[in-house]
Amino acid sequence: MVGYMKKALAEYETSGNFYRICVAWKNIGEAEWYMGFRQNALKFFRKAEENIPKLIDSMERFGVFWNLASAFRRMGDTKSESKYLTKCLENLPDSETDKIVMIETRLHQLDRFL
């Protein structure tokens, strides 16, 4: 999976699709995490986050932060999940009330772990 994702990443970089680049870095990081290469995983997550400023659309930024929050939730890292959920809220327009309520509910649940 990592090999195929790296090939896809090269294509995304050629096309300049920064949203897909960010998600690919996140996917590679998550795969590395589950294979036990935790330090490598964190480097890939950082690469995903470093590319977020290149995204013009706030919903794309939200999407990457949501992907990162979801990955850290699956990995059991509540502190990082909370960090990325907070960044999700910062990028959501006020009109996205359903998503805002969902994220705020999860942040409230995480408060007991932090």
N, C-alpha and C. Protein backbone atom coordinates (compact mmCIF):
# COMPACT_ATOMS: atom_id res chain seq x y z
N MET A 1 0.82 -1.20 0.00
CA MET A 1 0.00 0.00 0.00
C MET A 1 0.87 1.26 0.00
N VAL A 2 1.91 1.23 0.81
CA VAL A 2 2.77 2.41 0.90
C VAL A 2 3.42 2.69 -0.46
N GLY A 3 3.86 1.64 -1.12
CA GLY A 3 4.49 1.82 -2.44
C GLY A 3 3.54 2.43 -3.44
N TYR A 4 2.30 1.94 -3.47
CA TYR A 4 1.31 2.49 -4.40
C TYR A 4 0.94 3.92 -4.04
N MET A 5 0.86 4.20 -2.75
CA MET A 5 0.52 5.55 -2.33
C MET A 5 1.65 6.52 -2.70
N LYS A 6 2.89 6.07 -2.62
CA LYS A 6 4.01 6.94 -3.02
C LYS A 6 3.97 7.20 -4.52
N LYS A 7 3.57 6.21 -5.31
CA LYS A 7 3.41 6.42 -6.75
C LYS A 7 2.29 7.43 -7.01
N ALA A 8 1.19 7.27 -6.30
CA ALA A 8 0.08 8.21 -6.45
C ALA A 8 0.51 9.61 -6.03
N LEU A 9 1.28 9.69 -4.98
CA LEU A 9 1.78 10.99 -4.49
C LEU A 9 2.57 11.70 -5.58
N ALA A 10 3.41 10.96 -6.29
CA ALA A 10 4.20 11.55 -7.38
C ALA A 10 3.27 12.14 -8.45
N GLU A 11 2.19 11.42 -8.75
CA GLU A 11 1.22 11.91 -9.74
C GLU A 11 0.50 13.16 -9.22
N TYR A 12 0.13 13.14 -7.97
CA TYR A 12 -0.54 14.31 -7.39
C TYR A 12 0.38 15.53 -7.40
N GLU A 13 1.65 15.30 -7.12
CA GLU A 13 2.61 16.40 -7.13
C GLU A 13 2.77 16.95 -8.54
N THR A 14 2.79 16.08 -9.52
CA THR A 14 2.89 16.52 -10.92
C THR A 14 1.67 17.36 -11.30
N SER A 15 0.50 16.95 -10.83
CA SER A 15 -0.72 17.67 -11.18
C SER A 15 -0.95 18.91 -10.32
N GLY A 16 -0.22 19.01 -9.20
CA GLY A 16 -0.40 20.15 -8.30
C GLY A 16 -1.66 20.07 -7.46
N ASN A 17 -2.18 18.85 -7.26
CA ASN A 17 -3.39 18.67 -6.46
C ASN A 17 -2.98 18.57 -4.99
N PHE A 18 -2.92 19.73 -4.33
CA PHE A 18 -2.40 19.78 -2.96
C PHE A 18 -3.30 19.07 -1.95
N TYR A 19 -4.60 19.06 -2.21
CA TYR A 19 -5.48 18.32 -1.31
C TYR A 19 -5.11 16.84 -1.32
N ARG A 20 -4.99 16.26 -2.49
CA ARG A 20 -4.64 14.85 -2.61
C ARG A 20 -3.23 14.58 -2.09
N ILE A 21 -2.34 15.55 -2.26
CA ILE A 21 -0.98 15.41 -1.71
C ILE A 21 -1.04 15.28 -0.20
N CYS A 22 -1.80 16.17 0.43
CA CYS A 22 -1.93 16.13 1.89
C CYS A 22 -2.51 14.80 2.36
N VAL A 23 -3.56 14.35 1.70
CA VAL A 23 -4.21 13.10 2.10
C VAL A 23 -3.28 11.91 1.86
N ALA A 24 -2.51 11.95 0.78
CA ALA A 24 -1.55 10.87 0.51
C ALA A 24 -0.49 10.80 1.60
N TRP A 25 0.05 11.95 2.00
CA TRP A 25 1.03 11.96 3.09
C TRP A 25 0.42 11.38 4.36
N LYS A 26 -0.83 11.77 4.64
CA LYS A 26 -1.52 11.25 5.82
C LYS A 26 -1.69 9.74 5.73
N ASN A 27 -2.08 9.25 4.57
CA ASN A 27 -2.28 7.81 4.39
C ASN A 27 -0.98 7.04 4.57
N ILE A 28 0.10 7.57 4.02
CA ILE A 28 1.40 6.92 4.18
C ILE A 28 1.79 6.91 5.66
N GLY A 29 1.57 8.04 6.33
CA GLY A 29 1.89 8.12 7.75
C GLY A 29 1.10 7.12 8.57
N GLU A 30 -0.16 6.99 8.27
CA GLU A 30 -0.99 6.06 9.03
C GLU A 30 -0.54 4.61 8.79
N ALA A 31 -0.19 4.29 7.55
CA ALA A 31 0.30 2.94 7.25
C ALA A 31 1.60 2.67 7.99
N GLU A 32 2.50 3.64 7.99
CA GLU A 32 3.77 3.49 8.70
C GLU A 32 3.53 3.26 10.20
N TRP A 33 2.56 3.99 10.74
CA TRP A 33 2.22 3.85 12.16
C TRP A 33 1.83 2.42 12.48
N TYR A 34 0.94 1.88 11.67
CA TYR A 34 0.44 0.52 11.93
C TYR A 34 1.49 -0.55 11.68
N MET A 35 2.51 -0.22 10.90
CA MET A 35 3.62 -1.17 10.70
C MET A 35 4.65 -1.05 11.81
N GLY A 36 4.44 -0.10 12.72
CA GLY A 36 5.33 0.05 13.87
C GLY A 36 6.41 1.10 13.70
N PHE A 37 6.40 1.82 12.58
CA PHE A 37 7.41 2.85 12.32
C PHE A 37 6.85 4.21 12.74
N ARG A 38 6.74 4.39 14.04
CA ARG A 38 6.04 5.56 14.59
C ARG A 38 6.73 6.88 14.27
N GLN A 39 8.06 6.92 14.35
CA GLN A 39 8.76 8.18 14.05
C GLN A 39 8.61 8.56 12.59
N ASN A 40 8.69 7.57 11.70
CA ASN A 40 8.46 7.83 10.28
C ASN A 40 7.05 8.35 10.07
N ALA A 41 6.11 7.73 10.75
CA ALA A 41 4.71 8.14 10.61
C ALA A 41 4.54 9.61 10.96
N LEU A 42 5.13 10.03 12.06
CA LEU A 42 5.00 11.43 12.48
C LEU A 42 5.59 12.37 11.45
N LYS A 43 6.67 11.98 10.79
CA LYS A 43 7.26 12.80 9.72
C LYS A 43 6.28 12.96 8.57
N PHE A 44 5.60 11.88 8.20
CA PHE A 44 4.63 11.95 7.11
C PHE A 44 3.42 12.80 7.49
N PHE A 45 2.97 12.69 8.72
CA PHE A 45 1.86 13.54 9.17
C PHE A 45 2.26 15.01 9.11
N ARG A 46 3.51 15.31 9.50
CA ARG A 46 4.00 16.69 9.43
C ARG A 46 4.02 17.18 7.98
N LYS A 47 4.42 16.30 7.05
CA LYS A 47 4.44 16.69 5.63
C LYS A 47 3.03 17.01 5.15
N ALA A 48 2.05 16.25 5.62
CA ALA A 48 0.66 16.55 5.26
C ALA A 48 0.30 17.94 5.75
N GLU A 49 0.62 18.20 7.00
CA GLU A 49 0.25 19.49 7.59
C GLU A 49 1.01 20.65 6.95
N GLU A 50 2.25 20.42 6.56
CA GLU A 50 3.05 21.48 5.93
C GLU A 50 2.46 21.92 4.60
N ASN A 51 1.73 21.05 3.93
CA ASN A 51 1.14 21.39 2.64
C ASN A 51 -0.23 22.06 2.76
N ILE A 52 -0.82 22.06 3.93
CA ILE A 52 -2.15 22.64 4.10
C ILE A 52 -2.20 24.12 3.72
N PRO A 53 -1.19 24.94 4.05
CA PRO A 53 -1.27 26.35 3.65
C PRO A 53 -1.39 26.57 2.14
N LYS A 54 -1.04 25.57 1.35
CA LYS A 54 -1.15 25.70 -0.10
C LYS A 54 -2.60 25.55 -0.58
N LEU A 55 -3.47 25.11 0.32
CA LEU A 55 -4.88 24.94 -0.03
C LEU A 55 -5.61 26.26 0.12
N ILE A 56 -6.28 26.68 -0.93
CA ILE A 56 -7.00 27.95 -0.91
C ILE A 56 -8.38 27.78 -0.28
N ASP A 57 -9.02 26.66 -0.56
CA ASP A 57 -10.38 26.41 -0.12
C ASP A 57 -10.42 25.96 1.34
N SER A 58 -11.23 26.63 2.14
CA SER A 58 -11.30 26.29 3.57
C SER A 58 -11.87 24.89 3.79
N MET A 59 -12.76 24.44 2.92
CA MET A 59 -13.31 23.10 3.07
C MET A 59 -12.27 22.03 2.76
N GLU A 60 -11.34 22.32 1.87
CA GLU A 60 -10.23 21.39 1.63
C GLU A 60 -9.32 21.35 2.85
N ARG A 61 -9.03 22.52 3.43
CA ARG A 61 -8.21 22.53 4.66
C ARG A 61 -8.93 21.75 5.75
N PHE A 62 -10.24 21.98 5.89
CA PHE A 62 -11.04 21.22 6.84
C PHE A 62 -10.88 19.73 6.57
N GLY A 63 -10.97 19.31 5.31
CA GLY A 63 -10.89 17.90 4.94
C GLY A 63 -9.59 17.26 5.36
N VAL A 64 -8.50 17.98 5.20
CA VAL A 64 -7.20 17.43 5.60
C VAL A 64 -7.12 17.35 7.11
N PHE A 65 -7.54 18.39 7.80
CA PHE A 65 -7.52 18.34 9.27
C PHE A 65 -8.42 17.22 9.78
N TRP A 66 -9.56 17.02 9.13
CA TRP A 66 -10.48 15.95 9.52
C TRP A 66 -9.81 14.59 9.31
N ASN A 67 -9.12 14.42 8.18
CA ASN A 67 -8.40 13.18 7.91
C ASN A 67 -7.34 12.92 8.98
N LEU A 68 -6.62 13.96 9.36
CA LEU A 68 -5.59 13.81 10.40
C LEU A 68 -6.23 13.48 11.74
N ALA A 69 -7.31 14.18 12.09
CA ALA A 69 -8.00 13.89 13.36
C ALA A 69 -8.51 12.46 13.39
N SER A 70 -9.07 12.01 12.28
CA SER A 70 -9.59 10.64 12.20
C SER A 70 -8.48 9.61 12.34
N ALA A 71 -7.34 9.88 11.73
CA ALA A 71 -6.20 8.96 11.85
C ALA A 71 -5.75 8.85 13.29
N PHE A 72 -5.61 9.99 13.96
CA PHE A 72 -5.16 9.96 15.34
C PHE A 72 -6.20 9.34 16.26
N ARG A 73 -7.47 9.47 15.91
CA ARG A 73 -8.51 8.79 16.70
C ARG A 73 -8.34 7.28 16.57
N ARG A 74 -8.14 6.79 15.34
CA ARG A 74 -7.95 5.35 15.13
C ARG A 74 -6.70 4.85 15.86
N MET A 75 -5.69 5.71 15.97
CA MET A 75 -4.44 5.32 16.62
C MET A 75 -4.48 5.51 18.13
N GLY A 76 -5.55 6.12 18.64
CA GLY A 76 -5.69 6.29 20.08
C GLY A 76 -4.93 7.46 20.66
N ASP A 77 -4.53 8.42 19.83
CA ASP A 77 -3.81 9.60 20.29
C ASP A 77 -4.81 10.74 20.45
N THR A 78 -5.42 10.82 21.64
CA THR A 78 -6.49 11.79 21.88
C THR A 78 -5.99 13.24 21.85
N LYS A 79 -4.76 13.47 22.27
CA LYS A 79 -4.22 14.83 22.26
C LYS A 79 -4.11 15.36 20.84
N SER A 80 -3.57 14.55 19.93
CA SER A 80 -3.45 14.98 18.54
C SER A 80 -4.81 15.06 17.86
N GLU A 81 -5.69 14.12 18.19
CA GLU A 81 -7.04 14.17 17.64
C GLU A 81 -7.70 15.50 18.01
N SER A 82 -7.60 15.88 19.28
CA SER A 82 -8.18 17.13 19.75
C SER A 82 -7.57 18.33 19.02
N LYS A 83 -6.27 18.31 18.84
CA LYS A 83 -5.57 19.40 18.14
C LYS A 83 -6.14 19.58 16.74
N TYR A 84 -6.30 18.49 16.01
CA TYR A 84 -6.77 18.59 14.63
C TYR A 84 -8.27 18.87 14.55
N LEU A 85 -9.04 18.41 15.52
CA LEU A 85 -10.45 18.77 15.53
C LEU A 85 -10.63 20.26 15.76
N THR A 86 -9.80 20.83 16.60
CA THR A 86 -9.83 22.28 16.83
C THR A 86 -9.50 23.02 15.54
N LYS A 87 -8.53 22.53 14.80
CA LYS A 87 -8.18 23.15 13.52
C LYS A 87 -9.32 22.98 12.51
N CYS A 88 -10.05 21.87 12.61
CA CYS A 88 -11.23 21.68 11.76
C CYS A 88 -12.22 22.82 11.99
N LEU A 89 -12.49 23.09 13.27
CA LEU A 89 -13.45 24.15 13.61
C LEU A 89 -13.00 25.51 13.07
N GLU A 90 -11.71 25.75 13.10
CA GLU A 90 -11.18 27.03 12.63
C GLU A 90 -11.38 27.21 11.13
N ASN A 91 -11.57 26.13 10.40
CA ASN A 91 -11.70 26.20 8.94
C ASN A 91 -13.11 25.98 8.43
N LEU A 92 -14.04 25.73 9.32
CA LEU A 92 -15.42 25.52 8.90
C LEU A 92 -16.19 26.83 8.87
N PRO A 93 -16.93 27.05 7.81
CA PRO A 93 -17.82 28.22 7.82
C PRO A 93 -18.95 28.02 8.83
N ASP A 94 -19.47 29.10 9.34
CA ASP A 94 -20.55 29.03 10.33
C ASP A 94 -21.78 28.28 9.81
N SER A 95 -21.93 28.21 8.51
CA SER A 95 -23.10 27.54 7.92
C SER A 95 -23.04 26.02 8.07
N GLU A 96 -21.89 25.48 8.42
CA GLU A 96 -21.72 24.03 8.57
C GLU A 96 -22.07 23.59 9.99
N THR A 97 -23.27 23.92 10.43
CA THR A 97 -23.64 23.71 11.83
C THR A 97 -23.63 22.24 12.24
N ASP A 98 -24.04 21.34 11.36
CA ASP A 98 -24.04 19.91 11.72
C ASP A 98 -22.62 19.43 12.04
N LYS A 99 -21.67 19.82 11.21
CA LYS A 99 -20.27 19.41 11.43
C LYS A 99 -19.72 20.07 12.69
N ILE A 100 -20.07 21.33 12.89
CA ILE A 100 -19.59 22.04 14.09
C ILE A 100 -20.08 21.35 15.35
N VAL A 101 -21.35 21.00 15.39
CA VAL A 101 -21.92 20.34 16.56
C VAL A 101 -21.25 18.98 16.78
N MET A 102 -21.04 18.23 15.71
CA MET A 102 -20.41 16.92 15.80
C MET A 102 -18.99 17.04 16.37
N ILE A 103 -18.23 18.01 15.87
CA ILE A 103 -16.85 18.19 16.33
C ILE A 103 -16.83 18.67 17.77
N GLU A 104 -17.67 19.62 18.09
CA GLU A 104 -17.71 20.11 19.48
C GLU A 104 -18.11 19.01 20.46
N THR A 105 -19.01 18.14 20.04
CA THR A 105 -19.40 17.00 20.88
C THR A 105 -18.21 16.09 21.12
N ARG A 106 -17.46 15.80 20.06
CA ARG A 106 -16.29 14.93 20.21
C ARG A 106 -15.22 15.61 21.08
N LEU A 107 -15.00 16.89 20.90
CA LEU A 107 -14.03 17.60 21.73
C LEU A 107 -14.44 17.54 23.20
N HIS A 108 -15.72 17.66 23.46
CA HIS A 108 -16.22 17.55 24.84
C HIS A 108 -15.93 16.16 25.39
N GLN A 109 -16.12 15.12 24.58
CA GLN A 109 -15.82 13.75 25.01
C GLN A 109 -14.33 13.59 25.31
N LEU A 110 -13.49 14.24 24.50
CA LEU A 110 -12.04 14.12 24.67
C LEU A 110 -11.54 14.87 25.91
N ASP A 111 -12.27 15.85 26.36
CA ASP A 111 -11.85 16.64 27.52
C ASP A 111 -11.51 15.75 28.72
N ARG A 112 -12.22 14.66 28.89
CA ARG A 112 -11.97 13.81 30.06
C ARG A 112 -10.65 13.03 29.93
N PHE A 113 -10.11 12.95 28.71
CA PHE A 113 -8.85 12.23 28.50
C PHE A 113 -7.64 13.14 28.54
N LEU A 114 -7.87 14.43 28.41
CA LEU A 114 -6.75 15.37 28.30
C LEU A 114 -6.37 15.97 29.64
